[in-house]
Amino acid sequence: MSKKAWILAMVICFGAVMGIILTDVDEVEQIPYTQFITLMENQSVADVTISQDAQIEFSLLEAEQRYTTENPRTDNFKEMLLLNGIAVNEKNTSAQVALIQYMFGTIIFVGVFFVVFRHAKNSRSTGFNVKAIEVNNLKMDFSDIAGNVEAKEQVEDIVDFIKNPYKYEEVGAKMPRGLIFYGPPGTGKTIMAKALAKEADVPFFSVNGSDFMQMYVGVGASRIRDLFKEARKSEKAVIFIDEIDAIGKMRSNNAAGSSDEKDQTLNALLTEMSGFNNTEGIVVIAATNRLELLDEALLRPGRFDRHIQIGYPDQAARKMILSLYIKNKLLDDTVDIDRLSEETIYFTGAMIENLVNEAAILAVKENVKILTANHFDKAFYTVIAGSEKKDRSKITIEDKKITAYHEAGHALVTTIVAPQNKVSKVTIIPSTKGAGGFSMNIAKEKMYQTKADILAQVKIALAGRVAEEIIFGSEYVTTGASNDIEKATTYIKDYITKYGMDDTVGMVNLDVFDEKTHTLDRTKELMKQLYDDTMKILEENKDNLDLLANELIHKETLNQQQIDELLRSA
């Protein structure tokens, strides 16, 4: 029965009850209480029905008509009636009112119960309807994935397991119960999972960890069972659970702080995975940004056996990714893929895809079909800082000068303390995200960082604020260095507490201890020392600082070649 039909039925029932009640009430005539007293004294009253209501009913001798009058509610009223030979009937309250209240309350209760029941039923049954993406609808295979060579090799083993399970069973090898892809957002975890399903020629079931978290305890576990039941219908399949943290985050030892729903859901997942046999061609892949936050029960052997890092691509991988996304686009001779792969350090695959797409959009806006280096430069700025701010009417000459010296400070100190780095671009064009400008400092990719590297990064971060103080005075430094200060503080904190590089504190990891006061004091001391060192560097090279800043005020953006030429000419 539909919701409207239920409501209509309740209204009809209520109306019917009211009709029965009201038609059962005889017509009565009301008379004043003084007239009732007179009738009683004249022995004319036959019977009286008393209650706690505002009115009493009575009838007269030799008459069928009933009357009402005011209820005096005195303690001796009943005794007075009996002494006058009048029959007395009592009732606790109005039967009609009581029945109406009872029926109305019952109807409301039944209605609310019905709505809640239907909602709970829908949440448990129809609220989760996972469908497989068939192989024909999966567009990407391993040939479409650039970079992450090591991850791809590990995943290829799983493809062979799914296709040829008996080959491994013959030598006693077992297919991993599950895989965990971990790494920063946008590095290609979902694409890798889809490519695995495509290569293995099996359906792909994709869900999000938050899909299993509901307000009703037991719903998540039920949905896990439904998911695996659906996957088993395909015999071989890939189940991909993105953001597994929602159900698999490390559980607290404090029972009062645990979540029954989360525990039941996690246990249901582990139970289903434990139920696989060695030749069953179903592989479960989970994705997370933070592997260290997951519950140990998920990570132990027999559950998610293989942990595969999908990390930031290196320069060679970035070049491959760029080549993949530009293969169907026209480029002119100014576009240098090697330079782009250098500049996109710390870009994920998704960011590189966005970079190429933004460049293509800019070309369309200009009504051209060939992408140029200028398109990529503007797209690069858009990806990392936001779109260029078109309305600059509120930016004063003084604001522009402050930004120019700030960014020139970063660029100049980079060339002095980290000459191996490349300052590929400096701009003072403001963005819609609130950035006044930026200096693009590309560090050489290497496996480790030395003490000198970290201290140099602190000086580079502080150089913008230092340049402001040198030119405008300590009382006129601006808020533009807030992010720089945050970076510098993080570098110094790790230098002292994590890496054991500070000579004063020594080779200990202070994160093990609860006491943070000494860390703060030493951080402030080292920050002041490095700030003074940076001040000395810029004061000794103030002519070059002025040169870079004035050129930025004039041109707004400088590339690596222009910066090198300026400093050589000086």
Protein backbone atom coordinates (compact mmCIF):
# COMPACT_ATOMS: atom_id res chain seq x y z
CA MET A 1 0.00 0.00 0.00
CA SER A 2 1.31 3.45 -0.91
CA LYS A 3 2.05 6.19 1.61
CA LYS A 4 -0.93 8.26 0.42
CA ALA A 5 -3.27 5.26 0.76
CA TRP A 6 -2.16 4.71 4.35
CA ILE A 7 -2.78 8.33 5.27
CA LEU A 8 -6.23 8.26 3.63
CA ALA A 9 -7.14 5.05 5.49
CA MET A 10 -6.16 6.59 8.84
CA VAL A 11 -8.25 9.71 8.16
CA ILE A 12 -11.30 7.60 7.22
CA CYS A 13 -10.98 5.46 10.37
CA PHE A 14 -10.67 8.53 12.54
CA GLY A 15 -13.71 10.12 10.92
CA ALA A 16 -15.76 6.95 11.36
CA VAL A 17 -14.94 6.75 15.07
CA MET A 18 -15.83 10.40 15.54
CA GLY A 19 -19.12 9.84 13.73
CA ILE A 20 -20.04 6.90 15.94
CA ILE A 21 -19.21 8.85 19.04
CA LEU A 22 -21.08 11.97 18.04
CA THR A 23 -24.21 10.18 16.79
CA ASP A 24 -24.39 8.28 20.07
CA VAL A 25 -24.82 11.52 21.99
CA ASP A 26 -28.47 12.42 22.67
CA GLU A 27 -29.67 15.98 22.24
CA VAL A 28 -29.87 17.72 25.65
CA GLU A 29 -31.19 21.06 26.91
CA GLN A 30 -29.18 23.19 29.31
CA ILE A 31 -30.93 24.94 32.21
CA PRO A 32 -29.58 27.24 34.94
CA TYR A 33 -28.34 25.66 38.16
CA THR A 34 -30.88 27.63 40.25
CA GLN A 35 -33.72 26.10 38.25
CA PHE A 36 -32.20 22.64 38.86
CA ILE A 37 -32.24 23.31 42.64
CA THR A 38 -35.90 24.29 42.45
CA LEU A 39 -36.78 21.11 40.51
CA MET A 40 -34.88 19.02 43.06
CA GLU A 41 -36.68 20.64 46.02
CA ASN A 42 -40.02 19.98 44.27
CA GLN A 43 -39.10 16.27 43.98
CA SER A 44 -39.22 16.51 40.15
CA VAL A 45 -35.71 15.15 39.41
CA ALA A 46 -35.53 11.41 38.65
CA ASP A 47 -31.76 10.78 38.29
CA VAL A 48 -28.48 12.67 37.98
CA THR A 49 -25.24 11.61 36.26
CA ILE A 50 -22.27 13.26 37.94
CA SER A 51 -18.60 13.40 36.88
CA GLN A 52 -15.62 15.73 37.01
CA ASP A 53 -16.84 17.46 33.85
CA ALA A 54 -18.08 21.05 33.84
CA GLN A 55 -21.68 19.85 33.28
CA ILE A 56 -23.95 17.25 34.92
CA GLU A 57 -26.83 15.45 33.22
CA PHE A 58 -30.23 14.74 34.77
CA SER A 59 -33.76 13.69 33.81
CA LEU A 60 -37.16 14.57 35.21
CA LEU A 61 -39.90 12.24 36.45
CA GLU A 62 -42.30 11.11 33.76
CA ALA A 63 -40.16 12.69 30.98
CA GLU A 64 -37.69 11.23 28.45
CA GLN A 65 -35.93 14.56 27.81
CA ARG A 66 -32.49 14.91 29.41
CA TYR A 67 -31.03 18.16 30.66
CA THR A 68 -27.66 19.55 31.69
CA THR A 69 -26.64 22.17 34.20
CA GLU A 70 -23.49 23.47 35.83
CA ASN A 71 -21.54 21.05 38.03
CA PRO A 72 -21.07 22.65 41.48
CA ARG A 73 -18.26 20.18 42.35
CA THR A 74 -18.96 20.51 46.09
CA ASP A 75 -18.04 17.72 48.50
CA ASN A 76 -21.63 17.19 49.72
CA PHE A 77 -23.40 17.42 46.33
CA LYS A 78 -23.86 13.64 46.00
CA GLU A 79 -25.15 13.38 49.59
CA MET A 80 -27.66 16.17 48.92
CA LEU A 81 -28.99 14.33 45.87
CA LEU A 82 -29.40 11.06 47.74
CA LEU A 83 -31.19 12.72 50.66
CA ASN A 84 -33.69 14.10 48.15
CA GLY A 85 -34.40 10.60 46.81
CA ILE A 86 -32.62 11.11 43.49
CA ALA A 87 -30.83 8.21 41.77
CA VAL A 88 -27.15 9.02 41.24
CA ASN A 89 -24.99 7.69 38.36
CA GLU A 90 -21.22 8.31 38.41
CA LYS A 91 -18.56 8.28 35.70
CA ASN A 92 -14.88 9.21 36.10
CA THR A 93 -14.60 11.30 32.95
CA SER A 94 -16.32 11.92 29.67
CA ALA A 95 -16.39 8.63 27.78
CA GLN A 96 -16.53 10.37 24.45
CA VAL A 97 -13.50 12.54 25.18
CA ALA A 98 -11.55 9.60 26.55
CA LEU A 99 -12.34 7.49 23.53
CA ILE A 100 -11.38 10.30 21.16
CA GLN A 101 -8.08 10.80 22.97
CA TYR A 102 -7.37 7.10 22.95
CA MET A 103 -8.21 6.65 19.28
CA PHE A 104 -6.30 9.76 18.22
CA GLY A 105 -3.20 8.71 20.18
CA THR A 106 -3.38 5.21 18.75
CA ILE A 107 -3.63 6.51 15.20
CA ILE A 108 -0.63 8.82 15.68
CA PHE A 109 1.43 6.00 17.21
CA VAL A 110 0.57 3.59 14.40
CA GLY A 111 1.33 6.24 11.77
CA VAL A 112 4.73 7.15 13.25
CA PHE A 113 5.64 3.49 13.70
CA PHE A 114 4.71 2.76 10.10
CA VAL A 115 6.83 5.63 8.72
CA VAL A 116 9.87 4.65 10.84
CA PHE A 117 9.47 0.99 9.92
CA ARG A 118 9.27 1.76 6.22
CA HIS A 119 12.33 4.06 6.45
CA ALA A 120 14.36 1.42 8.28
CA LYS A 121 13.28 -1.24 5.81
CA ASN A 122 14.30 0.94 2.87
CA SER A 123 17.65 1.72 4.50
CA ARG A 124 18.35 -1.96 5.00
CA SER A 125 17.19 -3.24 1.66
CA THR A 126 16.80 -0.84 -1.24
CA GLY A 127 19.29 1.79 -0.01
CA PHE A 128 22.28 -0.16 -1.36
CA ASN A 129 22.19 -1.45 -4.89
CA VAL A 130 25.71 -2.12 -6.14
CA LYS A 131 26.09 -3.02 -9.79
CA ALA A 132 29.14 -4.30 -11.60
CA ILE A 133 30.89 -2.34 -14.32
CA GLU A 134 31.23 -4.89 -17.08
CA VAL A 135 34.56 -5.37 -18.84
CA ASN A 136 33.29 -3.80 -22.06
CA ASN A 137 32.62 -0.56 -20.16
CA LEU A 138 36.09 -0.39 -18.59
CA LYS A 139 38.09 1.98 -20.79
CA MET A 140 41.63 1.80 -19.37
CA ASP A 141 44.13 -1.04 -19.21
CA PHE A 142 47.79 -1.13 -18.15
CA SER A 143 48.92 0.44 -21.42
CA ASP A 144 47.01 3.59 -20.42
CA ILE A 145 48.82 3.90 -17.08
CA ALA A 146 52.08 5.85 -17.14
CA GLY A 147 54.53 5.68 -14.26
CA ASN A 148 54.14 3.56 -11.08
CA VAL A 149 56.12 0.78 -12.77
CA GLU A 150 56.72 -1.14 -9.54
CA ALA A 151 53.04 -0.97 -8.56
CA LYS A 152 52.00 -2.12 -12.01
CA GLU A 153 54.31 -5.14 -11.82
CA GLN A 154 52.81 -6.25 -8.51
CA VAL A 155 49.29 -5.85 -9.87
CA GLU A 156 50.14 -7.89 -12.98
CA ASP A 157 50.77 -10.88 -10.68
CA ILE A 158 47.18 -10.65 -9.47
CA VAL A 159 45.87 -10.58 -13.03
CA ASP A 160 47.68 -13.85 -13.72
CA PHE A 161 46.33 -15.32 -10.46
CA ILE A 162 42.77 -14.52 -11.54
CA LYS A 163 43.23 -15.89 -15.05
CA ASN A 164 45.24 -19.00 -14.14
CA PRO A 165 44.53 -19.94 -10.50
CA TYR A 166 45.35 -23.64 -10.94
CA LYS A 167 48.86 -22.84 -12.19
CA TYR A 168 49.65 -21.38 -8.77
CA GLU A 169 47.75 -24.03 -6.84
CA GLU A 170 49.97 -26.72 -8.37
CA VAL A 171 53.01 -25.25 -6.63
CA GLY A 172 51.14 -24.43 -3.41
CA ALA A 173 50.88 -20.68 -3.98
CA LYS A 174 47.80 -18.85 -2.74
CA MET A 175 46.29 -15.77 -4.31
CA PRO A 176 46.43 -12.76 -1.97
CA ARG A 177 43.08 -12.25 -0.27
CA GLY A 178 43.21 -8.55 -0.84
CA LEU A 179 45.34 -5.61 -1.93
CA ILE A 180 45.68 -2.18 -0.40
CA PHE A 181 46.60 0.71 -2.67
CA TYR A 182 47.94 3.56 -0.56
CA GLY A 183 49.28 6.98 -1.45
CA PRO A 184 48.30 10.65 -1.78
CA PRO A 185 44.98 11.61 -3.40
CA GLY A 186 45.01 11.76 -7.19
CA THR A 187 47.91 9.37 -7.77
CA GLY A 188 45.80 6.83 -9.69
CA LYS A 189 44.61 4.23 -7.18
CA THR A 190 41.14 3.92 -8.72
CA ILE A 191 42.52 3.85 -12.27
CA MET A 192 44.96 1.06 -11.30
CA ALA A 193 42.10 -1.00 -9.84
CA LYS A 194 39.98 -0.55 -12.98
CA ALA A 195 42.93 -1.45 -15.19
CA LEU A 196 43.45 -4.63 -13.18
CA ALA A 197 39.82 -5.65 -13.79
CA LYS A 198 40.14 -4.80 -17.48
CA GLU A 199 43.33 -6.85 -17.89
CA ALA A 200 41.85 -9.79 -15.96
CA ASP A 201 38.65 -9.58 -18.04
CA VAL A 202 36.37 -9.61 -14.98
CA PRO A 203 33.53 -7.34 -13.72
CA PHE A 204 34.45 -4.39 -11.50
CA PHE A 205 32.44 -3.62 -8.35
CA SER A 206 33.21 -0.16 -6.95
CA VAL A 207 31.96 1.18 -3.60
CA ASN A 208 33.05 3.81 -1.09
CA GLY A 209 33.81 3.01 2.53
CA SER A 210 31.27 5.62 3.66
CA ASP A 211 28.51 3.65 1.85
CA PHE A 212 28.63 1.13 4.70
CA MET A 213 28.35 3.63 7.55
CA GLN A 214 24.67 4.14 8.47
CA MET A 215 22.71 5.22 11.55
CA TYR A 216 21.20 1.74 11.97
CA VAL A 217 23.49 -0.83 13.58
CA GLY A 218 23.88 -3.85 11.34
CA VAL A 219 23.15 -2.11 8.05
CA GLY A 220 26.84 -1.83 7.11
CA ALA A 221 27.47 -5.52 7.78
CA SER A 222 24.39 -6.43 5.75
CA ARG A 223 25.63 -4.32 2.84
CA ILE A 224 29.03 -6.02 2.96
CA ARG A 225 27.33 -9.41 2.67
CA ASP A 226 25.15 -8.14 -0.20
CA LEU A 227 28.25 -6.84 -2.02
CA PHE A 228 30.09 -10.15 -1.81
CA LYS A 229 26.97 -12.13 -2.66
CA GLU A 230 26.60 -10.07 -5.84
CA ALA A 231 30.29 -10.46 -6.70
CA ARG A 232 30.18 -14.24 -6.25
CA LYS A 233 27.47 -14.44 -8.89
CA SER A 234 30.17 -13.44 -11.39
CA GLU A 235 32.54 -16.17 -10.12
CA LYS A 236 35.50 -13.91 -10.89
CA ALA A 237 35.47 -10.20 -10.07
CA VAL A 238 37.34 -7.24 -8.63
CA ILE A 239 35.79 -5.53 -5.59
CA PHE A 240 37.17 -2.03 -5.06
CA ILE A 241 36.51 -0.25 -1.74
CA ASP A 242 37.68 3.35 -1.91
CA GLU A 243 38.42 5.27 1.32
CA ILE A 244 38.53 2.09 3.39
CA ASP A 245 39.37 4.34 6.37
CA ALA A 246 35.63 4.88 6.93
CA ILE A 247 35.24 1.31 8.20
CA GLY A 248 38.82 0.17 8.68
CA LYS A 249 40.38 2.88 10.83
CA MET A 250 42.32 1.63 13.82
CA ARG A 251 39.93 0.73 16.64
CA SER A 252 40.29 2.30 20.07
CA ASN A 253 41.12 0.13 23.08
CA ASN A 254 38.50 2.11 24.96
CA ALA A 255 35.22 0.23 24.45
CA ALA A 256 33.19 3.30 25.35
CA GLY A 257 34.68 5.16 22.40
CA SER A 258 34.24 2.39 19.86
CA SER A 259 31.55 2.20 17.23
CA ASP A 260 29.40 -0.95 17.24
CA GLU A 261 28.34 -0.27 13.67
CA LYS A 262 31.92 0.18 12.44
CA ASP A 263 33.11 -2.94 14.29
CA GLN A 264 30.29 -5.07 12.89
CA THR A 265 30.95 -3.82 9.36
CA LEU A 266 34.70 -4.45 9.62
CA ASN A 267 34.13 -7.92 11.07
CA ALA A 268 31.70 -8.73 8.25
CA LEU A 269 34.33 -7.70 5.68
CA LEU A 270 37.02 -9.84 7.31
CA THR A 271 34.65 -12.79 7.56
CA GLU A 272 33.75 -12.58 3.88
CA MET A 273 37.42 -12.40 2.88
CA SER A 274 38.27 -15.37 5.11
CA GLY A 275 35.62 -17.36 3.26
CA PHE A 276 37.47 -17.28 -0.08
CA ASN A 277 38.95 -20.52 -1.34
CA ASN A 278 42.29 -20.65 -3.10
CA THR A 279 40.84 -20.90 -6.60
CA GLU A 280 38.05 -18.37 -6.18
CA GLY A 281 38.79 -15.57 -8.64
CA ILE A 282 37.59 -12.66 -6.53
CA VAL A 283 40.12 -10.08 -5.42
CA VAL A 284 39.34 -7.26 -2.99
CA ILE A 285 41.20 -3.97 -3.42
CA ALA A 286 41.04 -1.23 -0.81
CA ALA A 287 42.36 2.30 -1.24
CA THR A 288 43.52 4.72 1.43
CA ASN A 289 45.57 7.89 1.73
CA ARG A 290 46.94 6.89 5.17
CA LEU A 291 48.00 3.26 5.53
CA GLU A 292 49.24 3.80 9.08
CA LEU A 293 45.73 4.66 10.30
CA LEU A 294 44.20 1.30 9.35
CA ASP A 295 43.32 -1.40 11.87
CA GLU A 296 45.92 -4.16 12.26
CA ALA A 297 43.20 -6.78 11.71
CA LEU A 298 42.91 -5.55 8.13
CA LEU A 299 46.62 -5.66 7.42
CA ARG A 300 47.66 -9.02 8.82
CA PRO A 301 48.39 -11.98 6.50
CA GLY A 302 45.27 -13.68 5.22
CA ARG A 303 43.39 -10.40 4.89
CA PHE A 304 44.91 -7.58 2.83
CA ASP A 305 48.16 -9.40 2.11
CA ARG A 306 49.77 -7.06 -0.38
CA HIS A 307 50.33 -3.35 0.26
CA ILE A 308 51.10 -1.43 -2.92
CA GLN A 309 52.22 2.19 -2.81
CA ILE A 310 50.86 4.45 -5.54
CA GLY A 311 52.99 7.53 -4.93
CA TYR A 312 53.95 10.78 -6.60
CA PRO A 313 55.45 10.16 -10.04
CA ASP A 314 59.12 10.98 -10.57
CA GLN A 315 60.28 13.09 -13.51
CA ALA A 316 60.46 10.15 -15.92
CA ALA A 317 56.95 9.07 -14.92
CA ARG A 318 55.64 12.63 -15.22
CA LYS A 319 57.01 12.80 -18.75
CA MET A 320 55.21 9.55 -19.58
CA ILE A 321 51.97 10.86 -18.07
CA LEU A 322 52.26 14.13 -20.00
CA SER A 323 52.89 12.21 -23.21
CA LEU A 324 49.83 10.08 -22.51
CA TYR A 325 47.50 13.07 -22.09
CA ILE A 326 48.83 15.15 -25.00
CA LYS A 327 48.94 12.35 -27.57
CA ASN A 328 45.66 13.46 -29.17
CA LYS A 329 46.46 17.20 -29.02
CA LEU A 330 48.33 19.50 -31.40
CA LEU A 331 51.38 21.27 -29.90
CA ASP A 332 53.64 23.91 -31.38
CA ASP A 333 57.44 23.94 -31.12
CA THR A 334 57.46 26.12 -27.99
CA VAL A 335 56.06 23.31 -25.82
CA ASP A 336 58.93 21.52 -24.08
CA ILE A 337 57.77 18.25 -22.48
CA ASP A 338 61.07 17.86 -20.61
CA ARG A 339 60.68 21.30 -19.04
CA LEU A 340 57.05 20.59 -18.13
CA SER A 341 58.01 17.30 -16.50
CA GLU A 342 60.61 19.17 -14.41
CA GLU A 343 58.22 21.93 -13.38
CA THR A 344 55.45 19.55 -12.36
CA ILE A 345 57.40 18.13 -9.42
CA TYR A 346 54.99 16.95 -6.66
CA PHE A 347 52.16 16.85 -9.21
CA THR A 348 49.96 13.76 -9.11
CA GLY A 349 48.70 12.08 -12.26
CA ALA A 350 45.33 13.77 -11.75
CA MET A 351 46.99 17.20 -11.48
CA ILE A 352 48.96 16.60 -14.69
CA GLU A 353 45.76 15.58 -16.47
CA ASN A 354 44.14 18.76 -15.17
CA LEU A 355 47.13 20.83 -16.36
CA VAL A 356 46.83 19.53 -19.93
CA ASN A 357 43.06 19.97 -19.89
CA GLU A 358 43.32 23.57 -18.64
CA ALA A 359 45.82 24.35 -21.41
CA ALA A 360 43.40 22.92 -23.98
CA ILE A 361 40.55 25.01 -22.56
CA LEU A 362 42.66 28.16 -22.85
CA ALA A 363 43.39 27.32 -26.49
CA VAL A 364 39.67 26.93 -27.19
CA LYS A 365 38.98 30.30 -25.56
CA GLU A 366 41.51 31.86 -27.94
CA ASN A 367 39.90 30.13 -30.91
CA VAL A 368 43.04 28.16 -31.77
CA LYS A 369 43.61 24.42 -32.12
CA ILE A 370 47.33 24.30 -31.41
CA LEU A 371 48.54 24.43 -27.78
CA THR A 372 51.53 26.67 -27.01
CA ALA A 373 53.95 27.05 -24.12
CA ASN A 374 51.99 30.12 -23.06
CA HIS A 375 48.85 28.00 -22.67
CA PHE A 376 50.72 25.57 -20.44
CA ASP A 377 52.26 28.40 -18.39
CA LYS A 378 48.84 29.88 -17.67
CA ALA A 379 47.38 26.44 -17.00
CA PHE A 380 50.23 25.70 -14.57
CA TYR A 381 49.43 28.87 -12.64
CA THR A 382 45.73 27.92 -12.58
CA VAL A 383 46.41 24.44 -11.20
CA ILE A 384 48.71 25.47 -8.36
CA ALA A 385 47.39 28.92 -7.43
CA GLY A 386 44.01 29.43 -9.12
CA SER A 387 43.00 31.56 -12.06
CA GLU A 388 44.64 34.93 -12.64
CA LYS A 389 42.72 37.73 -10.99
CA LYS A 390 41.34 39.93 -13.76
CA ASP A 391 40.14 42.82 -11.63
CA ARG A 392 43.27 44.36 -10.10
CA SER A 393 41.83 47.81 -9.53
CA LYS A 394 42.16 47.47 -5.75
CA ILE A 395 45.84 46.49 -5.96
CA THR A 396 47.89 49.60 -5.26
CA ILE A 397 51.40 50.40 -6.48
CA GLU A 398 52.59 49.80 -2.92
CA ASP A 399 50.96 46.33 -2.85
CA LYS A 400 52.65 45.44 -6.12
CA LYS A 401 56.02 46.61 -4.79
CA ILE A 402 55.64 44.56 -1.58
CA THR A 403 54.79 41.42 -3.55
CA ALA A 404 57.68 42.00 -5.96
CA TYR A 405 60.27 42.28 -3.20
CA HIS A 406 58.75 39.34 -1.31
CA GLU A 407 58.94 36.99 -4.32
CA ALA A 408 62.32 38.37 -5.42
CA GLY A 409 63.63 37.50 -1.94
CA HIS A 410 62.55 33.87 -2.33
CA ALA A 411 64.06 33.61 -5.81
CA LEU A 412 67.37 35.28 -4.96
CA VAL A 413 68.02 33.27 -1.80
CA THR A 414 67.23 30.07 -3.72
CA THR A 415 69.97 30.83 -6.25
CA ILE A 416 72.45 31.46 -3.41
CA VAL A 417 71.77 28.74 -0.79
CA ALA A 418 70.48 26.04 -3.18
CA PRO A 419 72.16 26.65 -6.56
CA GLN A 420 71.29 23.10 -7.64
CA ASN A 421 67.60 24.08 -7.56
CA LYS A 422 65.88 25.78 -10.49
CA VAL A 423 63.77 28.89 -10.11
CA SER A 424 61.60 28.18 -13.12
CA LYS A 425 59.17 31.05 -12.63
CA VAL A 426 58.45 34.05 -10.42
CA THR A 427 55.23 36.04 -10.73
CA ILE A 428 53.43 38.80 -8.88
CA ILE A 429 50.11 38.23 -10.65
CA PRO A 430 47.46 37.66 -7.94
CA SER A 431 45.16 34.64 -8.12
CA THR A 432 41.50 34.04 -7.31
CA LYS A 433 42.62 31.78 -4.43
CA GLY A 434 44.17 34.74 -2.64
CA ALA A 435 47.84 34.27 -3.57
CA GLY A 436 49.61 37.55 -4.25
CA GLY A 437 52.21 35.75 -6.38
CA PHE A 438 54.62 32.84 -6.13
CA SER A 439 58.17 31.72 -6.75
CA MET A 440 58.51 28.26 -8.34
CA ASN A 441 61.51 26.52 -6.79
CA ILE A 442 62.26 23.11 -8.34
CA ALA A 443 64.51 20.96 -6.18
CA LYS A 444 66.63 18.21 -7.65
CA GLU A 445 64.94 14.86 -7.09
CA LYS A 446 66.92 12.59 -4.78
CA MET A 447 66.28 9.88 -2.24
CA TYR A 448 67.46 11.69 0.90
CA GLN A 449 67.70 15.22 2.29
CA THR A 450 70.79 16.38 4.14
CA LYS A 451 71.03 18.79 7.06
CA ALA A 452 72.18 21.48 4.64
CA ASP A 453 69.18 20.84 2.39
CA ILE A 454 66.68 21.33 5.21
CA LEU A 455 68.35 24.48 6.56
CA ALA A 456 68.46 25.90 3.03
CA GLN A 457 64.72 25.27 2.62
CA VAL A 458 64.07 27.19 5.85
CA LYS A 459 66.10 30.16 4.60
CA ILE A 460 64.26 30.12 1.26
CA ALA A 461 60.91 30.10 3.09
CA LEU A 462 61.94 33.01 5.34
CA ALA A 463 63.44 35.09 2.52
CA GLY A 464 60.14 36.75 1.56
CA ARG A 465 59.57 38.16 5.06
CA VAL A 466 63.24 39.14 5.36
CA ALA A 467 63.09 41.07 2.07
CA GLU A 468 60.01 42.96 3.30
CA GLU A 469 61.81 43.94 6.51
CA ILE A 470 64.93 45.14 4.67
CA ILE A 471 62.99 47.35 2.24
CA PHE A 472 60.01 48.53 4.31
CA GLY A 473 61.16 48.16 7.93
CA SER A 474 60.26 45.68 10.69
CA GLU A 475 57.07 47.57 11.56
CA TYR A 476 55.72 47.23 8.02
CA VAL A 477 56.13 43.52 7.29
CA THR A 478 52.89 41.97 6.00
CA THR A 479 50.71 38.89 6.43
CA GLY A 480 51.94 37.56 3.08
CA ALA A 481 54.51 35.34 4.81
CA SER A 482 52.02 33.28 6.85
CA ASN A 483 52.35 30.16 4.70
CA ASP A 484 56.13 30.61 4.52
CA ILE A 485 56.35 30.71 8.32
CA GLU A 486 54.26 27.54 8.56
CA LYS A 487 56.60 25.73 6.17
CA ALA A 488 59.72 26.96 7.96
CA THR A 489 58.33 25.89 11.34
CA THR A 490 57.54 22.41 10.03
CA TYR A 491 61.04 22.04 8.57
CA ILE A 492 62.68 23.07 11.86
CA LYS A 493 60.39 20.92 14.01
CA ASP A 494 61.19 17.81 11.98
CA TYR A 495 64.89 18.76 11.94
CA ILE A 496 64.91 18.82 15.75
CA THR A 497 62.35 16.22 16.82
CA LYS A 498 62.28 13.60 14.06
CA TYR A 499 65.63 13.53 12.26
CA GLY A 500 67.95 14.07 15.24
CA MET A 501 69.99 16.66 13.30
CA ASP A 502 70.14 19.47 15.85
CA ASP A 503 73.49 19.60 17.66
CA THR A 504 71.96 21.21 20.76
CA VAL A 505 69.15 18.69 21.32
CA GLY A 506 71.11 15.71 20.06
CA MET A 507 70.27 12.57 18.14
CA VAL A 508 66.93 11.75 19.76
CA ASN A 509 63.35 11.58 18.52
CA LEU A 510 61.47 14.01 20.74
CA ASP A 511 58.09 12.90 19.36
CA VAL A 512 58.40 9.93 21.73
CA PHE A 513 58.15 12.27 24.73
CA ASP A 514 55.15 14.26 25.91
CA GLU A 515 57.18 17.29 26.95
CA LYS A 516 57.03 19.90 24.18
CA THR A 517 58.31 23.01 25.97
CA HIS A 518 61.97 22.39 25.16
CA THR A 519 61.10 21.69 21.52
CA LEU A 520 59.29 25.02 21.23
CA ASP A 521 62.16 26.94 22.83
CA ARG A 522 64.75 25.33 20.56
CA THR A 523 62.55 25.85 17.47
CA LYS A 524 62.25 29.58 18.24
CA GLU A 525 66.00 29.82 18.85
CA LEU A 526 66.91 28.09 15.58
CA MET A 527 64.29 30.06 13.64
CA LYS A 528 65.81 33.34 14.89
CA GLN A 529 69.31 32.17 13.95
CA LEU A 530 68.28 31.18 10.40
CA TYR A 531 66.27 34.39 9.99
CA ASP A 532 69.37 36.42 10.86
CA ASP A 533 71.46 34.35 8.41
CA THR A 534 68.91 35.05 5.66
CA MET A 535 68.94 38.74 6.55
CA LYS A 536 72.71 38.82 6.13
CA ILE A 537 72.49 37.09 2.72
CA LEU A 538 69.95 39.57 1.33
CA GLU A 539 71.68 42.63 2.77
CA GLU A 540 74.91 41.55 1.05
CA ASN A 541 72.99 41.04 -2.22
CA LYS A 542 70.60 44.00 -1.99
CA ASP A 543 71.51 45.26 -5.47
CA ASN A 544 70.39 41.98 -7.01
CA LEU A 545 67.25 42.05 -4.84
CA ASP A 546 66.38 45.52 -6.20
CA LEU A 547 67.14 44.39 -9.74
CA LEU A 548 64.82 41.37 -9.57
CA ALA A 549 62.03 43.26 -7.80
CA ASN A 550 62.05 46.16 -10.28
CA GLU A 551 61.99 43.76 -13.22
CA LEU A 552 59.02 41.95 -11.64
CA ILE A 553 57.16 45.23 -11.16
CA HIS A 554 57.72 45.96 -14.83
CA LYS A 555 57.05 42.51 -16.37
CA GLU A 556 54.99 40.80 -13.59
CA THR A 557 56.37 37.35 -14.52
CA LEU A 558 59.95 36.12 -15.01
CA ASN A 559 61.05 32.68 -16.17
CA GLN A 560 64.28 30.86 -15.37
CA GLN A 561 66.18 32.17 -18.40
CA GLN A 562 65.24 35.79 -17.65
CA ILE A 563 66.26 35.43 -14.00
CA ASP A 564 69.63 33.88 -14.92
CA GLU A 565 70.36 36.62 -17.47
CA LEU A 566 69.52 39.38 -14.98
CA LEU A 567 71.78 37.96 -12.28
CA ARG A 568 74.64 37.33 -14.73
CA SER A 569 74.44 40.90 -16.02
CA ALA A 570 74.71 42.21 -12.47
